[in-house]
Amino acid sequence: MVSEELLEILRCPNCVQEKEGLLEFYKESWLICAECDRKYPIRDDIPVMLIDEGDKWVETKKADLTVPPPAE
């Protein structure tokens, strides 16, 4: 499980330079940016906070995200 302290400080790496980059913790498996809608998977309790990874899921609707996220 991802710690609450970590969730409080994590921000979207794409948005954080110009905006807040706040993330929604979704189904304990995803972090979703409120501004750009990139979705970052959490694998083995480790958030994968790479812009390229978020880009893979930007077109996927929130309801269609798999739990757990697929392996790389």
PDB file of N, CA and C in Angstrom:
ATOM      1  N   MET A   1       0.848  -1.190   0.000  1.00  0.00           N
ATOM      2  CA  MET A   1       0.000   0.000   0.000  1.00  0.00           C
ATOM      3  C   MET A   1       0.891   1.250   0.000  1.00  0.00           C
ATOM      4  N   VAL A   2       0.489   2.235  -0.757  1.00  0.00           N
ATOM      5  CA  VAL A   2       1.216   3.501  -0.837  1.00  0.00           C
ATOM      6  C   VAL A   2       0.892   4.326   0.412  1.00  0.00           C
ATOM      7  N   SER A   3       1.908   4.865   1.052  1.00  0.00           N
ATOM      8  CA  SER A   3       1.693   5.613   2.291  1.00  0.00           C
ATOM      9  C   SER A   3       0.960   6.933   2.032  1.00  0.00           C
ATOM     10  N   GLU A   4       0.211   7.335   3.025  1.00  0.00           N
ATOM     11  CA  GLU A   4      -0.521   8.610   2.951  1.00  0.00           C
ATOM     12  C   GLU A   4       0.433   9.786   2.775  1.00  0.00           C
ATOM     13  N   GLU A   5       1.589   9.729   3.437  1.00  0.00           N
ATOM     14  CA  GLU A   5       2.569  10.807   3.340  1.00  0.00           C
ATOM     15  C   GLU A   5       3.074  10.963   1.903  1.00  0.00           C
ATOM     16  N   LEU A   6       3.313   9.840   1.244  1.00  0.00           N
ATOM     17  CA  LEU A   6       3.765   9.884  -0.145  1.00  0.00           C
ATOM     18  C   LEU A   6       2.667  10.430  -1.046  1.00  0.00           C
ATOM     19  N   LEU A   7       1.451   9.983  -0.843  1.00  0.00           N
ATOM     20  CA  LEU A   7       0.330  10.463  -1.668  1.00  0.00           C
ATOM     21  C   LEU A   7       0.142  11.972  -1.547  1.00  0.00           C
ATOM     22  N   GLU A   8       0.418  12.518  -0.376  1.00  0.00           N
ATOM     23  CA  GLU A   8       0.261  13.956  -0.163  1.00  0.00           C
ATOM     24  C   GLU A   8       1.280  14.785  -0.933  1.00  0.00           C
ATOM     25  N   ILE A   9       2.467  14.240  -1.167  1.00  0.00           N
ATOM     26  CA  ILE A   9       3.500  15.035  -1.842  1.00  0.00           C
ATOM     27  C   ILE A   9       3.628  14.746  -3.336  1.00  0.00           C
ATOM     28  N   LEU A  10       3.114  13.593  -3.792  1.00  0.00           N
ATOM     29  CA  LEU A  10       3.227  13.274  -5.222  1.00  0.00           C
ATOM     30  C   LEU A  10       2.418  14.247  -6.073  1.00  0.00           C
ATOM     31  N   ARG A  11       2.982  14.615  -7.211  1.00  0.00           N
ATOM     32  CA  ARG A  11       2.316  15.494  -8.174  1.00  0.00           C
ATOM     33  C   ARG A  11       2.583  14.962  -9.577  1.00  0.00           C
ATOM     34  N   CYS A  12       1.736  15.323 -10.508  1.00  0.00           N
ATOM     35  CA  CYS A  12       1.921  14.919 -11.897  1.00  0.00           C
ATOM     36  C   CYS A  12       3.211  15.550 -12.424  1.00  0.00           C
ATOM     37  N   PRO A  13       4.147  14.740 -12.917  1.00  0.00           N
ATOM     38  CA  PRO A  13       5.410  15.296 -13.406  1.00  0.00           C
ATOM     39  C   PRO A  13       5.238  16.161 -14.649  1.00  0.00           C
ATOM     40  N   ASN A  14       4.144  15.986 -15.363  1.00  0.00           N
ATOM     41  CA  ASN A  14       3.883  16.796 -16.551  1.00  0.00           C
ATOM     42  C   ASN A  14       3.357  18.187 -16.182  1.00  0.00           C
ATOM     43  N   CYS A  15       2.576  18.270 -15.144  1.00  0.00           N
ATOM     44  CA  CYS A  15       1.881  19.528 -14.816  1.00  0.00           C
ATOM     45  C   CYS A  15       2.533  20.342 -13.699  1.00  0.00           C
ATOM     46  N   VAL A  16       3.330  19.718 -12.873  1.00  0.00           N
ATOM     47  CA  VAL A  16       3.791  20.355 -11.647  1.00  0.00           C
ATOM     48  C   VAL A  16       4.603  21.639 -11.881  1.00  0.00           C
ATOM     49  N   GLN A  17       5.230  21.805 -13.016  1.00  0.00           N
ATOM     50  CA  GLN A  17       6.022  23.004 -13.271  1.00  0.00           C
ATOM     51  C   GLN A  17       5.162  24.254 -13.460  1.00  0.00           C
ATOM     52  N   GLU A  18       3.953  24.073 -14.010  1.00  0.00           N
ATOM     53  CA  GLU A  18       3.110  25.229 -14.314  1.00  0.00           C
ATOM     54  C   GLU A  18       1.793  25.252 -13.548  1.00  0.00           C
ATOM     55  N   LYS A  19       1.397  24.113 -12.996  1.00  0.00           N
ATOM     56  CA  LYS A  19       0.118  23.999 -12.277  1.00  0.00           C
ATOM     57  C   LYS A  19       0.353  23.215 -11.005  1.00  0.00           C
ATOM     58  N   GLU A  20      -0.728  22.913 -10.296  1.00  0.00           N
ATOM     59  CA  GLU A  20      -0.581  22.153  -9.058  1.00  0.00           C
ATOM     60  C   GLU A  20      -0.259  20.685  -9.309  1.00  0.00           C
ATOM     61  N   GLY A  21      -0.815  20.105 -10.359  1.00  0.00           N
ATOM     62  CA  GLY A  21      -0.551  18.702 -10.669  1.00  0.00           C
ATOM     63  C   GLY A  21      -1.112  17.731  -9.647  1.00  0.00           C
ATOM     64  N   LEU A  22      -2.263  18.088  -9.063  1.00  0.00           N
ATOM     65  CA  LEU A  22      -2.859  17.242  -8.029  1.00  0.00           C
ATOM     66  C   LEU A  22      -3.322  15.915  -8.611  1.00  0.00           C
ATOM     67  N   LEU A  23      -3.144  14.872  -7.815  1.00  0.00           N
ATOM     68  CA  LEU A  23      -3.461  13.522  -8.255  1.00  0.00           C
ATOM     69  C   LEU A  23      -4.584  12.917  -7.420  1.00  0.00           C
ATOM     70  N   GLU A  24      -5.446  12.178  -8.098  1.00  0.00           N
ATOM     71  CA  GLU A  24      -6.507  11.434  -7.425  1.00  0.00           C
ATOM     72  C   GLU A  24      -6.026   9.995  -7.252  1.00  0.00           C
ATOM     73  N   PHE A  25      -6.125   9.473  -6.048  1.00  0.00           N
ATOM     74  CA  PHE A  25      -5.783   8.088  -5.744  1.00  0.00           C
ATOM     75  C   PHE A  25      -7.008   7.255  -6.084  1.00  0.00           C
ATOM     76  N   TYR A  26      -6.908   6.427  -7.124  1.00  0.00           N
ATOM     77  CA  TYR A  26      -8.076   5.716  -7.644  1.00  0.00           C
ATOM     78  C   TYR A  26      -7.921   4.206  -7.468  1.00  0.00           C
ATOM     79  N   LYS A  27      -8.829   3.618  -6.724  1.00  0.00           N
ATOM     80  CA  LYS A  27      -8.904   2.174  -6.505  1.00  0.00           C
ATOM     81  C   LYS A  27      -7.577   1.561  -6.043  1.00  0.00           C
ATOM     82  N   GLU A  28      -6.792   2.331  -5.313  1.00  0.00           N
ATOM     83  CA  GLU A  28      -5.508   1.894  -4.777  1.00  0.00           C
ATOM     84  C   GLU A  28      -4.575   1.339  -5.856  1.00  0.00           C
ATOM     85  N   SER A  29      -4.839   1.679  -7.136  1.00  0.00           N
ATOM     86  CA  SER A  29      -4.044   1.148  -8.246  1.00  0.00           C
ATOM     87  C   SER A  29      -3.598   2.204  -9.245  1.00  0.00           C
ATOM     88  N   TRP A  30      -4.141   3.398  -9.142  1.00  0.00           N
ATOM     89  CA  TRP A  30      -3.847   4.443 -10.126  1.00  0.00           C
ATOM     90  C   TRP A  30      -3.761   5.800  -9.454  1.00  0.00           C
ATOM     91  N   LEU A  31      -2.974   6.690 -10.049  1.00  0.00           N
ATOM     92  CA  LEU A  31      -2.955   8.108  -9.694  1.00  0.00           C
ATOM     93  C   LEU A  31      -3.355   8.856 -10.957  1.00  0.00           C
ATOM     94  N   ILE A  32      -4.402   9.660 -10.863  1.00  0.00           N
ATOM     95  CA  ILE A  32      -4.949  10.357 -12.027  1.00  0.00           C
ATOM     96  C   ILE A  32      -4.800  11.856 -11.832  1.00  0.00           C
ATOM     97  N   CYS A  33      -4.164  12.517 -12.806  1.00  0.00           N
ATOM     98  CA  CYS A  33      -3.970  13.960 -12.729  1.00  0.00           C
ATOM     99  C   CYS A  33      -5.288  14.678 -13.000  1.00  0.00           C
ATOM    100  N   ALA A  34      -5.630  15.602 -12.118  1.00  0.00           N
ATOM    101  CA  ALA A  34      -6.866  16.362 -12.249  1.00  0.00           C
ATOM    102  C   ALA A  34      -6.803  17.359 -13.405  1.00  0.00           C
ATOM    103  N   GLU A  35      -5.595  17.690 -13.865  1.00  0.00           N
ATOM    104  CA  GLU A  35      -5.468  18.725 -14.890  1.00  0.00           C
ATOM    105  C   GLU A  35      -5.253  18.170 -16.300  1.00  0.00           C
ATOM    106  N   CYS A  36      -4.369  17.202 -16.452  1.00  0.00           N
ATOM    107  CA  CYS A  36      -4.080  16.706 -17.810  1.00  0.00           C
ATOM    108  C   CYS A  36      -4.695  15.331 -18.081  1.00  0.00           C
ATOM    109  N   ASP A  37      -5.254  14.690 -17.059  1.00  0.00           N
ATOM    110  CA  ASP A  37      -5.912  13.389 -17.140  1.00  0.00           C
ATOM    111  C   ASP A  37      -4.953  12.229 -17.436  1.00  0.00           C
ATOM    112  N   ARG A  38      -3.648  12.459 -17.254  1.00  0.00           N
ATOM    113  CA  ARG A  38      -2.719  11.330 -17.360  1.00  0.00           C
ATOM    114  C   ARG A  38      -2.978  10.410 -16.178  1.00  0.00           C
ATOM    115  N   LYS A  39      -2.784   9.117 -16.431  1.00  0.00           N
ATOM    116  CA  LYS A  39      -3.019   8.123 -15.401  1.00  0.00           C
ATOM    117  C   LYS A  39      -1.733   7.347 -15.177  1.00  0.00           C
ATOM    118  N   TYR A  40      -1.294   7.315 -13.918  1.00  0.00           N
ATOM    119  CA  TYR A  40      -0.049   6.665 -13.542  1.00  0.00           C
ATOM    120  C   TYR A  40      -0.368   5.407 -12.741  1.00  0.00           C
ATOM    121  N   PRO A  41       0.071   4.249 -13.220  1.00  0.00           N
ATOM    122  CA  PRO A  41      -0.222   3.002 -12.506  1.00  0.00           C
ATOM    123  C   PRO A  41       0.625   2.862 -11.243  1.00  0.00           C
ATOM    124  N   ILE A  42       0.098   2.106 -10.309  1.00  0.00           N
ATOM    125  CA  ILE A  42       0.835   1.745  -9.107  1.00  0.00           C
ATOM    126  C   ILE A  42       1.075   0.242  -9.206  1.00  0.00           C
ATOM    127  N   ARG A  43       2.337  -0.140  -9.326  1.00  0.00           N
ATOM    128  CA  ARG A  43       2.704  -1.553  -9.464  1.00  0.00           C
ATOM    129  C   ARG A  43       3.561  -1.957  -8.269  1.00  0.00           C
ATOM    130  N   ASP A  44       3.178  -3.038  -7.615  1.00  0.00           N
ATOM    131  CA  ASP A  44       3.905  -3.526  -6.435  1.00  0.00           C
ATOM    132  C   ASP A  44       4.081  -2.407  -5.401  1.00  0.00           C
ATOM    133  N   ASP A  45       3.023  -1.632  -5.199  1.00  0.00           N
ATOM    134  CA  ASP A  45       2.998  -0.525  -4.231  1.00  0.00           C
ATOM    135  C   ASP A  45       3.951   0.614  -4.585  1.00  0.00           C
ATOM    136  N   ILE A  46       4.382   0.693  -5.853  1.00  0.00           N
ATOM    137  CA  ILE A  46       5.276   1.766  -6.287  1.00  0.00           C
ATOM    138  C   ILE A  46       4.610   2.542  -7.426  1.00  0.00           C
ATOM    139  N   PRO A  47       4.320   3.836  -7.225  1.00  0.00           N
ATOM    140  CA  PRO A  47       3.748   4.641  -8.305  1.00  0.00           C
ATOM    141  C   PRO A  47       4.765   4.816  -9.435  1.00  0.00           C
ATOM    142  N   VAL A  48       4.329   4.566 -10.649  1.00  0.00           N
ATOM    143  CA  VAL A  48       5.189   4.731 -11.824  1.00  0.00           C
ATOM    144  C   VAL A  48       4.929   6.136 -12.367  1.00  0.00           C
ATOM    145  N   MET A  49       5.707   7.099 -11.897  1.00  0.00           N
ATOM    146  CA  MET A  49       5.469   8.515 -12.182  1.00  0.00           C
ATOM    147  C   MET A  49       6.304   9.020 -13.362  1.00  0.00           C
ATOM    148  N   LEU A  50       6.247   8.310 -14.468  1.00  0.00           N
ATOM    149  CA  LEU A  50       6.943   8.712 -15.689  1.00  0.00           C
ATOM    150  C   LEU A  50       5.929   9.293 -16.661  1.00  0.00           C
ATOM    151  N   ILE A  51       6.247  10.423 -17.265  1.00  0.00           N
ATOM    152  CA  ILE A  51       5.315  11.058 -18.202  1.00  0.00           C
ATOM    153  C   ILE A  51       4.956  10.094 -19.323  1.00  0.00           C
ATOM    154  N   ASP A  52       5.929   9.351 -19.833  1.00  0.00           N
ATOM    155  CA  ASP A  52       5.646   8.385 -20.906  1.00  0.00           C
ATOM    156  C   ASP A  52       4.627   7.342 -20.468  1.00  0.00           C
ATOM    157  N   GLU A  53       4.696   6.931 -19.220  1.00  0.00           N
ATOM    158  CA  GLU A  53       3.723   5.952 -18.698  1.00  0.00           C
ATOM    159  C   GLU A  53       2.343   6.593 -18.601  1.00  0.00           C
ATOM    160  N   GLY A  54       2.270   7.819 -18.118  1.00  0.00           N
ATOM    161  CA  GLY A  54       0.991   8.527 -18.048  1.00  0.00           C
ATOM    162  C   GLY A  54       0.381   8.744 -19.423  1.00  0.00           C
ATOM    163  N   ASP A  55       1.235   8.985 -20.418  1.00  0.00           N
ATOM    164  CA  ASP A  55       0.761   9.177 -21.796  1.00  0.00           C
ATOM    165  C   ASP A  55       0.051   7.944 -22.335  1.00  0.00           C
ATOM    166  N   LYS A  56       0.491   6.765 -21.925  1.00  0.00           N
ATOM    167  CA  LYS A  56      -0.112   5.517 -22.416  1.00  0.00           C
ATOM    168  C   LYS A  56      -1.586   5.414 -22.045  1.00  0.00           C
ATOM    169  N   TRP A  57      -1.960   6.042 -20.950  1.00  0.00           N
ATOM    170  CA  TRP A  57      -3.310   5.872 -20.406  1.00  0.00           C
ATOM    171  C   TRP A  57      -4.185   7.116 -20.510  1.00  0.00           C
ATOM    172  N   VAL A  58      -3.671   8.174 -21.106  1.00  0.00           N
ATOM    173  CA  VAL A  58      -4.412   9.447 -21.116  1.00  0.00           C
ATOM    174  C   VAL A  58      -5.763   9.336 -21.843  1.00  0.00           C
ATOM    175  N   GLU A  59      -5.861   8.491 -22.842  1.00  0.00           N
ATOM    176  CA  GLU A  59      -7.112   8.332 -23.594  1.00  0.00           C
ATOM    177  C   GLU A  59      -8.064   7.316 -22.959  1.00  0.00           C
ATOM    178  N   THR A  60      -7.576   6.563 -21.980  1.00  0.00           N
ATOM    179  CA  THR A  60      -8.404   5.550 -21.327  1.00  0.00           C
ATOM    180  C   THR A  60      -9.322   6.213 -20.314  1.00  0.00           C
ATOM    181  N   LYS A  61     -10.598   5.871 -20.365  1.00  0.00           N
ATOM    182  CA  LYS A  61     -11.548   6.421 -19.404  1.00  0.00           C
ATOM    183  C   LYS A  61     -11.272   5.827 -18.029  1.00  0.00           C
ATOM    184  N   LYS A  62     -11.520   6.621 -17.025  1.00  0.00           N
ATOM    185  CA  LYS A  62     -11.282   6.210 -15.645  1.00  0.00           C
ATOM    186  C   LYS A  62     -11.976   4.885 -15.332  1.00  0.00           C
ATOM    187  N   ALA A  63     -13.208   4.726 -15.768  1.00  0.00           N
ATOM    188  CA  ALA A  63     -13.973   3.505 -15.495  1.00  0.00           C
ATOM    189  C   ALA A  63     -13.391   2.287 -16.195  1.00  0.00           C
ATOM    190  N   ASP A  64     -12.572   2.491 -17.236  1.00  0.00           N
ATOM    191  CA  ASP A  64     -12.001   1.388 -17.999  1.00  0.00           C
ATOM    192  C   ASP A  64     -10.619   0.962 -17.505  1.00  0.00           C
ATOM    193  N   LEU A  65     -10.091   1.636 -16.495  1.00  0.00           N
ATOM    194  CA  LEU A  65      -8.776   1.282 -15.984  1.00  0.00           C
ATOM    195  C   LEU A  65      -8.846  -0.075 -15.273  1.00  0.00           C
ATOM    196  N   THR A  66      -7.891  -0.930 -15.560  1.00  0.00           N
ATOM    197  CA  THR A  66      -7.884  -2.254 -14.957  1.00  0.00           C
ATOM    198  C   THR A  66      -7.260  -2.211 -13.567  1.00  0.00           C
ATOM    199  N   VAL A  67      -7.766  -3.075 -12.710  1.00  0.00           N
ATOM    200  CA  VAL A  67      -7.242  -3.205 -11.355  1.00  0.00           C
ATOM    201  C   VAL A  67      -6.909  -4.671 -11.152  1.00  0.00           C
ATOM    202  N   PRO A  68      -5.675  -5.004 -10.919  1.00  0.00           N
ATOM    203  CA  PRO A  68      -4.497  -4.136 -10.872  1.00  0.00           C
ATOM    204  C   PRO A  68      -4.085  -3.703 -12.271  1.00  0.00           C
ATOM    205  N   PRO A  69      -3.233  -2.680 -12.370  1.00  0.00           N
ATOM    206  CA  PRO A  69      -2.754  -2.252 -13.683  1.00  0.00           C
ATOM    207  C   PRO A  69      -1.985  -3.388 -14.360  1.00  0.00           C
ATOM    208  N   PRO A  70      -2.020  -3.418 -15.681  1.00  0.00           N
ATOM    209  CA  PRO A  70      -1.268  -4.467 -16.373  1.00  0.00           C
ATOM    210  C   PRO A  70       0.231  -4.311 -16.141  1.00  0.00           C
ATOM    211  N   ALA A  71       0.927  -5.420 -16.189  1.00  0.00           N
ATOM    212  CA  ALA A  71       2.384  -5.383 -16.067  1.00  0.00           C
ATOM    213  C   ALA A  71       2.937  -4.702 -17.311  1.00  0.00           C
ATOM    214  N   GLU A  72       4.118  -4.162 -17.190  1.00  0.00           N
ATOM    215  CA  GLU A  72       4.717  -3.450 -18.308  1.00  0.00           C
ATOM    216  C   GLU A  72       4.736  -4.332 -19.468  1.00  0.00           C
TER     217      GLU A  72
END
